[in-house]
Amino acid sequence: MAVDPTGSALADMLKEDPGGPFVMLNLLRFAPDGRSSYEEYSRRTARFLKKYGAELVYAGDGATPLVAEDGQDWDAVLLVRYPDRETFSRMVADPEYQEITHLRSQALTEAVLQPTVPWGSGRNS
């Protein structure tokens, strides 16, 4: 299962850029004993969020789903607001950030990273 974005996925995200701030939806499924590694990654990522003007909007544990197919439940959900997609791209390419991405990769067995576009932004209206 995928846990890390590919270069082509990042390029596609930038091509579709409607401009302006966006919120990245993070759906996470932890490997056995992966939560502690992800918590360390989160702690160390905080300075990059600040450096690039991003902010953690919400982080929470998944509970029993009300509506979901088998396998669609998630261990954790995070919402992170970024100033724009180019800034996100610069952050994930930052060599110092790259030094900690192994913590995220080893923590997860599956993930969804989906940029969201606000309603009324022109794309969805």
Protein backbone atom coordinates (compact mmCIF):
# COMPACT_ATOMS: atom_id res chain seq x y z
CA MET A 1 0.00 0.00 0.00
CA ALA A 2 1.13 3.54 -0.67
CA VAL A 3 2.37 5.76 2.16
CA ASP A 4 4.61 8.33 0.42
CA PRO A 5 3.77 10.69 -2.45
CA THR A 6 5.53 10.10 -5.75
CA GLY A 7 7.19 12.79 -7.85
CA SER A 8 4.54 12.38 -10.54
CA ALA A 9 1.73 12.73 -7.99
CA LEU A 10 3.31 15.97 -6.70
CA ALA A 11 3.63 17.25 -10.28
CA ASP A 12 -0.04 16.45 -10.94
CA MET A 13 -1.04 18.23 -7.72
CA LEU A 14 0.85 21.35 -8.84
CA LYS A 15 -0.69 21.19 -12.34
CA GLU A 16 -4.20 21.16 -10.84
CA ASP A 17 -3.41 24.06 -8.49
CA PRO A 18 -6.37 26.45 -8.24
CA GLY A 19 -4.17 28.83 -6.21
CA GLY A 20 -4.43 29.94 -2.62
CA PRO A 21 -4.53 28.06 0.66
CA PHE A 22 -5.64 24.46 0.87
CA VAL A 23 -6.16 21.80 3.52
CA MET A 24 -4.45 18.43 3.14
CA LEU A 25 -6.52 15.50 4.39
CA ASN A 26 -4.29 12.81 5.93
CA LEU A 27 -5.81 9.38 6.56
CA LEU A 28 -3.36 7.10 8.35
CA ARG A 29 -3.12 3.39 9.09
CA PHE A 30 -0.30 2.58 11.50
CA ALA A 31 2.05 -0.37 11.33
CA PRO A 32 2.29 -2.41 14.52
CA ASP A 33 4.12 -0.16 16.99
CA GLY A 34 4.09 2.60 14.33
CA ARG A 35 2.26 5.21 16.37
CA SER A 36 5.35 6.19 18.39
CA SER A 37 7.38 6.67 15.20
CA TYR A 38 4.60 8.83 13.74
CA GLU A 39 4.42 10.87 16.94
CA GLU A 40 8.16 11.54 16.67
CA TYR A 41 7.72 12.50 13.01
CA SER A 42 4.87 14.87 13.98
CA ARG A 43 6.91 16.46 16.73
CA ARG A 44 9.84 17.05 14.37
CA THR A 45 7.57 18.24 11.53
CA ALA A 46 6.13 21.07 13.63
CA ARG A 47 9.11 23.33 12.90
CA PHE A 48 8.71 22.80 9.15
CA LEU A 49 5.02 23.66 9.32
CA LYS A 50 5.95 26.89 11.09
CA LYS A 51 8.83 27.64 8.67
CA TYR A 52 6.53 27.27 5.65
CA GLY A 53 3.50 29.02 7.13
CA ALA A 54 1.40 25.87 7.49
CA GLU A 55 -0.64 24.80 10.49
CA LEU A 56 -2.07 21.63 11.94
CA VAL A 57 -5.82 22.24 12.01
CA TYR A 58 -6.90 18.93 13.52
CA ALA A 59 -5.42 15.60 14.61
CA GLY A 60 -7.49 12.78 16.03
CA ASP A 61 -7.83 9.04 16.37
CA GLY A 62 -10.25 7.16 14.14
CA ALA A 63 -13.22 5.56 15.89
CA THR A 64 -15.65 2.90 14.70
CA PRO A 65 -17.00 4.13 11.33
CA LEU A 66 -20.69 4.73 10.92
CA VAL A 67 -20.56 4.23 7.15
CA ALA A 68 -17.62 2.43 5.54
CA GLU A 69 -16.77 -0.65 3.58
CA ASP A 70 -14.42 -3.23 5.11
CA GLY A 71 -10.93 -1.77 5.28
CA GLN A 72 -12.07 1.86 5.05
CA ASP A 73 -11.52 2.64 8.72
CA TRP A 74 -8.43 4.68 9.66
CA ASP A 75 -6.27 4.85 12.77
CA ALA A 76 -5.85 8.61 12.61
CA VAL A 77 -7.00 11.67 10.69
CA LEU A 78 -5.08 14.93 10.32
CA LEU A 79 -5.96 18.16 8.58
CA VAL A 80 -3.09 20.51 7.73
CA ARG A 81 -3.58 23.94 6.15
CA TYR A 82 -0.89 25.15 3.74
CA PRO A 83 -0.57 28.62 2.19
CA ASP A 84 -0.55 27.06 -1.31
CA ARG A 85 0.51 23.93 -3.14
CA GLU A 86 3.88 25.33 -4.19
CA THR A 87 4.73 25.90 -0.52
CA PHE A 88 3.78 22.30 0.28
CA SER A 89 6.01 21.12 -2.55
CA ARG A 90 8.94 23.20 -1.28
CA MET A 91 8.45 21.88 2.25
CA VAL A 92 8.50 18.21 1.26
CA ALA A 93 11.58 18.84 -0.92
CA ASP A 94 13.46 20.59 1.91
CA PRO A 95 16.61 18.50 2.55
CA GLU A 96 16.20 18.83 6.34
CA TYR A 97 12.59 17.67 6.10
CA GLN A 98 13.69 14.73 3.95
CA GLU A 99 15.92 13.60 6.83
CA ILE A 100 12.85 12.80 8.96
CA THR A 101 10.49 11.30 6.38
CA HIS A 102 11.71 7.79 7.20
CA LEU A 103 9.88 8.12 10.54
CA ARG A 104 6.58 8.60 8.70
CA SER A 105 7.28 5.86 6.16
CA GLN A 106 8.15 3.25 8.80
CA ALA A 107 5.15 4.25 10.94
CA LEU A 108 2.50 3.59 8.30
CA THR A 109 1.16 0.66 6.33
CA GLU A 110 -1.25 2.81 4.31
CA ALA A 111 -2.11 6.47 3.91
CA VAL A 112 -4.20 8.89 1.91
CA LEU A 113 -2.92 12.42 1.32
CA GLN A 114 -5.61 14.39 -0.48
CA PRO A 115 -5.49 18.12 -1.08
CA THR A 116 -8.92 19.65 -0.63
CA VAL A 117 -10.30 22.69 -2.42
CA PRO A 118 -12.66 24.97 -0.48
CA TRP A 119 -16.22 25.13 -1.75
CA GLY A 120 -16.86 28.36 -3.58
CA SER A 121 -13.26 28.48 -4.87
CA GLY A 122 -14.38 28.20 -8.48
CA ARG A 123 -13.32 24.58 -8.96
CA ASN A 124 -16.32 23.00 -7.26
CA SER A 125 -18.97 25.69 -7.67
